[in-house]
Amino acid sequence: MATLTIRNLDERLKGRLRVRAATRGRSMEEEARQILRTVLSESEPASTNLAECIRRRFAKLGDVQLPIAAREPIHYLEMPEGIPANGAATSIKADATKARRRP
């Protein structure tokens, strides 16, 4: 068995440990061991995913239903003359760059 020494323990904390141990019929040393066993035997959270941590923290508050905002239809922009609407603008830009390089 290993030995653990705890220095600079607050007097109020030590007093609370003494009272807790006495009410359970244990020594302070045994009570400290039992507290450590209990706390350290709890399983660690399975996920360190931020979204999952936030969900778990607020789960006890219940679900919130937000109204869905009304949307307008999509407005299509008219393309300037010389630029095809199918996305071929990059080839036009490349042709213009080549034309500038010619002597």
N, C-alpha and C. Protein backbone atom coordinates (compact mmCIF):
# COMPACT_ATOMS: atom_id res chain seq x y z
N MET A 1 0.84 -1.19 0.00
CA MET A 1 0.00 0.00 0.00
C MET A 1 0.87 1.24 0.00
N ALA A 2 0.41 2.25 -0.70
CA ALA A 2 1.14 3.52 -0.79
C ALA A 2 0.71 4.44 0.35
N THR A 3 1.56 5.41 0.64
CA THR A 3 1.28 6.40 1.67
C THR A 3 1.16 7.76 1.01
N LEU A 4 0.20 8.54 1.47
CA LEU A 4 -0.05 9.88 0.93
C LEU A 4 -0.06 10.87 2.08
N THR A 5 0.73 11.92 1.98
CA THR A 5 0.73 12.97 2.98
C THR A 5 0.17 14.23 2.35
N ILE A 6 -0.79 14.84 3.02
CA ILE A 6 -1.40 16.07 2.50
C ILE A 6 -1.00 17.22 3.42
N ARG A 7 -0.26 18.15 2.86
CA ARG A 7 0.20 19.32 3.63
C ARG A 7 -0.69 20.52 3.33
N ASN A 8 -0.65 21.49 4.22
CA ASN A 8 -1.35 22.77 4.07
C ASN A 8 -2.85 22.57 3.86
N LEU A 9 -3.44 21.64 4.58
CA LEU A 9 -4.87 21.40 4.52
C LEU A 9 -5.58 22.45 5.36
N ASP A 10 -6.56 23.09 4.79
CA ASP A 10 -7.32 24.12 5.49
C ASP A 10 -7.95 23.53 6.75
N GLU A 11 -7.90 24.28 7.86
CA GLU A 11 -8.43 23.78 9.14
C GLU A 11 -9.92 23.49 9.06
N ARG A 12 -10.67 24.33 8.35
CA ARG A 12 -12.11 24.08 8.24
C ARG A 12 -12.38 22.79 7.47
N LEU A 13 -11.58 22.54 6.42
CA LEU A 13 -11.74 21.31 5.65
C LEU A 13 -11.41 20.09 6.51
N LYS A 14 -10.35 20.22 7.28
CA LYS A 14 -9.95 19.13 8.18
C LYS A 14 -11.05 18.87 9.22
N GLY A 15 -11.65 19.95 9.72
CA GLY A 15 -12.74 19.80 10.68
C GLY A 15 -13.94 19.11 10.07
N ARG A 16 -14.28 19.49 8.83
CA ARG A 16 -15.40 18.84 8.15
C ARG A 16 -15.13 17.36 7.92
N LEU A 17 -13.87 17.03 7.58
CA LEU A 17 -13.50 15.62 7.40
C LEU A 17 -13.63 14.86 8.71
N ARG A 18 -13.21 15.49 9.80
CA ARG A 18 -13.28 14.86 11.13
C ARG A 18 -14.74 14.57 11.49
N VAL A 19 -15.63 15.54 11.29
CA VAL A 19 -17.04 15.36 11.62
C VAL A 19 -17.66 14.30 10.72
N ARG A 20 -17.36 14.35 9.43
CA ARG A 20 -17.90 13.36 8.49
C ARG A 20 -17.47 11.95 8.87
N ALA A 21 -16.18 11.81 9.22
CA ALA A 21 -15.67 10.49 9.61
C ALA A 21 -16.34 10.00 10.88
N ALA A 22 -16.54 10.90 11.84
CA ALA A 22 -17.16 10.51 13.12
C ALA A 22 -18.61 10.09 12.91
N THR A 23 -19.34 10.78 12.06
CA THR A 23 -20.75 10.40 11.83
C THR A 23 -20.87 9.05 11.14
N ARG A 24 -19.83 8.66 10.43
CA ARG A 24 -19.86 7.36 9.74
C ARG A 24 -19.12 6.27 10.52
N GLY A 25 -18.59 6.62 11.66
CA GLY A 25 -17.90 5.63 12.50
C GLY A 25 -16.55 5.21 11.93
N ARG A 26 -15.87 6.12 11.24
CA ARG A 26 -14.57 5.82 10.63
C ARG A 26 -13.52 6.78 11.18
N SER A 27 -12.28 6.39 10.96
CA SER A 27 -11.18 7.32 11.26
C SER A 27 -11.11 8.35 10.13
N MET A 28 -10.44 9.46 10.37
CA MET A 28 -10.28 10.47 9.32
C MET A 28 -9.53 9.87 8.14
N GLU A 29 -8.55 9.06 8.43
CA GLU A 29 -7.76 8.43 7.36
C GLU A 29 -8.62 7.53 6.49
N GLU A 30 -9.46 6.71 7.14
CA GLU A 30 -10.34 5.81 6.37
C GLU A 30 -11.38 6.61 5.60
N GLU A 31 -11.88 7.67 6.18
CA GLU A 31 -12.86 8.50 5.47
C GLU A 31 -12.24 9.15 4.24
N ALA A 32 -11.02 9.63 4.35
CA ALA A 32 -10.32 10.23 3.21
C ALA A 32 -10.12 9.18 2.11
N ARG A 33 -9.75 7.95 2.51
CA ARG A 33 -9.60 6.87 1.52
C ARG A 33 -10.92 6.59 0.81
N GLN A 34 -12.01 6.55 1.59
CA GLN A 34 -13.32 6.26 1.00
C GLN A 34 -13.74 7.37 0.04
N ILE A 35 -13.49 8.62 0.39
CA ILE A 35 -13.82 9.74 -0.49
C ILE A 35 -13.04 9.62 -1.79
N LEU A 36 -11.75 9.34 -1.70
CA LEU A 36 -10.93 9.19 -2.89
C LEU A 36 -11.40 8.01 -3.75
N ARG A 37 -11.73 6.90 -3.11
CA ARG A 37 -12.23 5.74 -3.87
C ARG A 37 -13.51 6.09 -4.62
N THR A 38 -14.42 6.75 -3.94
CA THR A 38 -15.70 7.09 -4.55
C THR A 38 -15.53 8.03 -5.73
N VAL A 39 -14.76 9.09 -5.51
CA VAL A 39 -14.60 10.10 -6.57
C VAL A 39 -13.82 9.54 -7.75
N LEU A 40 -12.77 8.80 -7.48
CA LEU A 40 -11.92 8.31 -8.57
C LEU A 40 -12.47 7.08 -9.26
N SER A 41 -13.47 6.43 -8.69
CA SER A 41 -14.05 5.27 -9.36
C SER A 41 -15.13 5.68 -10.36
N GLU A 42 -15.58 6.94 -10.29
CA GLU A 42 -16.56 7.42 -11.27
C GLU A 42 -15.92 7.42 -12.64
N SER A 43 -16.70 7.03 -13.62
CA SER A 43 -16.15 6.97 -14.97
C SER A 43 -15.97 8.38 -15.52
N GLU A 44 -14.94 8.52 -16.29
CA GLU A 44 -14.65 9.80 -16.95
C GLU A 44 -15.67 10.00 -18.06
N PRO A 45 -15.98 11.25 -18.39
CA PRO A 45 -16.87 11.46 -19.53
C PRO A 45 -16.29 10.81 -20.79
N ALA A 46 -17.14 10.11 -21.53
CA ALA A 46 -16.69 9.36 -22.70
C ALA A 46 -16.24 10.27 -23.83
N SER A 47 -16.82 11.45 -23.92
CA SER A 47 -16.54 12.30 -25.06
C SER A 47 -15.88 13.60 -24.63
N THR A 48 -14.92 14.03 -25.41
CA THR A 48 -14.34 15.35 -25.19
C THR A 48 -14.78 16.28 -26.31
N ASN A 49 -15.79 15.83 -27.05
CA ASN A 49 -16.37 16.62 -28.12
C ASN A 49 -17.09 17.81 -27.50
N LEU A 50 -16.76 19.03 -27.92
CA LEU A 50 -17.33 20.23 -27.34
C LEU A 50 -18.85 20.25 -27.46
N ALA A 51 -19.38 19.90 -28.60
CA ALA A 51 -20.83 19.92 -28.80
C ALA A 51 -21.52 18.94 -27.84
N GLU A 52 -20.92 17.78 -27.65
CA GLU A 52 -21.50 16.78 -26.74
C GLU A 52 -21.46 17.28 -25.30
N CYS A 53 -20.38 17.92 -24.90
CA CYS A 53 -20.26 18.48 -23.55
C CYS A 53 -21.33 19.55 -23.32
N ILE A 54 -21.54 20.40 -24.29
CA ILE A 54 -22.56 21.45 -24.17
C ILE A 54 -23.95 20.83 -24.09
N ARG A 55 -24.20 19.82 -24.93
CA ARG A 55 -25.51 19.16 -24.90
C ARG A 55 -25.79 18.54 -23.53
N ARG A 56 -24.79 17.85 -22.97
CA ARG A 56 -24.96 17.23 -21.66
C ARG A 56 -25.21 18.28 -20.57
N ARG A 57 -24.49 19.39 -20.66
CA ARG A 57 -24.63 20.43 -19.63
C ARG A 57 -26.03 21.03 -19.62
N PHE A 58 -26.62 21.23 -20.80
CA PHE A 58 -27.91 21.88 -20.87
C PHE A 58 -29.08 20.91 -21.02
N ALA A 59 -28.82 19.61 -21.04
CA ALA A 59 -29.88 18.61 -21.24
C ALA A 59 -30.94 18.69 -20.15
N LYS A 60 -30.54 18.95 -18.92
CA LYS A 60 -31.51 18.95 -17.83
C LYS A 60 -32.48 20.14 -17.91
N LEU A 61 -32.16 21.14 -18.70
CA LEU A 61 -33.04 22.30 -18.85
C LEU A 61 -34.19 22.04 -19.81
N GLY A 62 -34.08 20.99 -20.59
CA GLY A 62 -35.14 20.64 -21.53
C GLY A 62 -34.86 21.18 -22.91
N ASP A 63 -35.75 20.81 -23.82
CA ASP A 63 -35.59 21.19 -25.21
C ASP A 63 -36.20 22.56 -25.45
N VAL A 64 -35.66 23.27 -26.39
CA VAL A 64 -36.17 24.59 -26.77
C VAL A 64 -36.60 24.51 -28.23
N GLN A 65 -37.84 24.88 -28.50
CA GLN A 65 -38.34 24.89 -29.86
C GLN A 65 -38.37 26.33 -30.34
N LEU A 66 -37.59 26.61 -31.36
CA LEU A 66 -37.55 27.94 -31.94
C LEU A 66 -38.41 27.98 -33.19
N PRO A 67 -39.11 29.08 -33.41
CA PRO A 67 -39.93 29.16 -34.63
C PRO A 67 -39.03 29.25 -35.85
N ILE A 68 -39.49 28.65 -36.94
CA ILE A 68 -38.73 28.69 -38.19
C ILE A 68 -39.07 30.00 -38.89
N ALA A 69 -38.05 30.76 -39.20
CA ALA A 69 -38.26 32.06 -39.84
C ALA A 69 -38.74 31.88 -41.27
N ALA A 70 -39.61 32.80 -41.70
CA ALA A 70 -40.09 32.78 -43.08
C ALA A 70 -38.94 33.17 -44.00
N ARG A 71 -38.88 32.54 -45.16
CA ARG A 71 -37.81 32.81 -46.11
C ARG A 71 -38.38 33.36 -47.40
N GLU A 72 -37.56 34.15 -48.04
CA GLU A 72 -37.93 34.66 -49.35
C GLU A 72 -37.36 33.72 -50.40
N PRO A 73 -37.96 33.71 -51.58
CA PRO A 73 -37.38 32.88 -52.64
C PRO A 73 -35.99 33.39 -53.04
N ILE A 74 -35.21 32.52 -53.62
CA ILE A 74 -33.86 32.88 -54.05
C ILE A 74 -33.94 33.84 -55.23
N HIS A 75 -33.15 34.89 -55.17
CA HIS A 75 -33.08 35.86 -56.26
C HIS A 75 -31.81 35.58 -57.06
N TYR A 76 -31.98 35.32 -58.32
CA TYR A 76 -30.83 35.06 -59.18
C TYR A 76 -30.34 36.38 -59.77
N LEU A 77 -29.05 36.59 -59.77
CA LEU A 77 -28.46 37.79 -60.34
C LEU A 77 -28.25 37.61 -61.84
N GLU A 78 -28.42 38.67 -62.54
CA GLU A 78 -28.12 38.61 -63.97
C GLU A 78 -26.63 38.76 -64.14
N MET A 79 -26.04 37.93 -64.98
CA MET A 79 -24.60 37.96 -65.20
C MET A 79 -24.27 39.10 -66.17
N PRO A 80 -23.17 39.81 -65.93
CA PRO A 80 -22.75 40.84 -66.87
C PRO A 80 -22.45 40.23 -68.24
N GLU A 81 -22.57 41.04 -69.24
CA GLU A 81 -22.36 40.54 -70.59
C GLU A 81 -20.92 40.05 -70.75
N GLY A 82 -20.73 38.95 -71.42
CA GLY A 82 -19.41 38.38 -71.65
C GLY A 82 -19.03 37.30 -70.65
N ILE A 83 -19.80 37.17 -69.58
CA ILE A 83 -19.53 36.11 -68.60
C ILE A 83 -20.67 35.11 -68.68
N PRO A 84 -20.35 33.88 -69.07
CA PRO A 84 -21.41 32.87 -69.17
C PRO A 84 -21.99 32.53 -67.80
N ALA A 85 -23.24 32.19 -67.76
CA ALA A 85 -23.93 31.88 -66.50
C ALA A 85 -23.58 30.49 -65.97
N ASN A 86 -22.83 29.69 -66.73
CA ASN A 86 -22.55 28.32 -66.31
C ASN A 86 -21.24 28.19 -65.53
N GLY A 87 -20.60 29.29 -65.14
CA GLY A 87 -19.40 29.22 -64.33
C GLY A 87 -18.12 29.15 -65.12
N ALA A 88 -18.15 29.41 -66.41
CA ALA A 88 -16.95 29.34 -67.23
C ALA A 88 -16.14 30.63 -67.17
N ALA A 89 -16.39 31.47 -66.18
CA ALA A 89 -15.70 32.76 -66.07
C ALA A 89 -14.21 32.57 -65.87
N THR A 90 -13.79 31.48 -65.26
CA THR A 90 -12.37 31.27 -65.02
C THR A 90 -11.61 31.10 -66.32
N SER A 91 -12.23 30.45 -67.32
CA SER A 91 -11.52 30.29 -68.58
C SER A 91 -11.40 31.62 -69.31
N ILE A 92 -12.39 32.48 -69.17
CA ILE A 92 -12.31 33.81 -69.79
C ILE A 92 -11.19 34.61 -69.13
N LYS A 93 -11.10 34.51 -67.80
CA LYS A 93 -10.05 35.22 -67.07
C LYS A 93 -8.68 34.70 -67.47
N ALA A 94 -8.54 33.40 -67.63
CA ALA A 94 -7.26 32.81 -68.04
C ALA A 94 -6.88 33.28 -69.44
N ASP A 95 -7.86 33.35 -70.37
CA ASP A 95 -7.58 33.83 -71.72
C ASP A 95 -7.13 35.29 -71.70
N ALA A 96 -7.72 36.09 -70.85
CA ALA A 96 -7.36 37.51 -70.76
C ALA A 96 -5.95 37.65 -70.22
N THR A 97 -5.55 36.81 -69.29
CA THR A 97 -4.19 36.85 -68.73
C THR A 97 -3.17 36.48 -69.79
N LYS A 98 -3.48 35.47 -70.60
CA LYS A 98 -2.58 35.05 -71.67
C LYS A 98 -2.42 36.18 -72.69
N ALA A 99 -3.52 36.86 -73.00
CA ALA A 99 -3.48 37.93 -74.00
C ALA A 99 -2.58 39.08 -73.53
N ARG A 100 -2.55 39.39 -72.23
CA ARG A 100 -1.71 40.46 -71.72
C ARG A 100 -0.23 40.11 -71.81
N ARG A 101 0.11 38.85 -71.72
CA ARG A 101 1.51 38.43 -71.74
C ARG A 101 2.14 38.44 -73.15
N ARG A 102 1.30 38.42 -74.16
CA ARG A 102 1.82 38.38 -75.54
C ARG A 102 2.48 39.71 -75.88
N PRO A 103 3.63 39.66 -76.57
CA PRO A 103 4.31 40.92 -76.95
C PRO A 103 3.63 41.64 -78.08
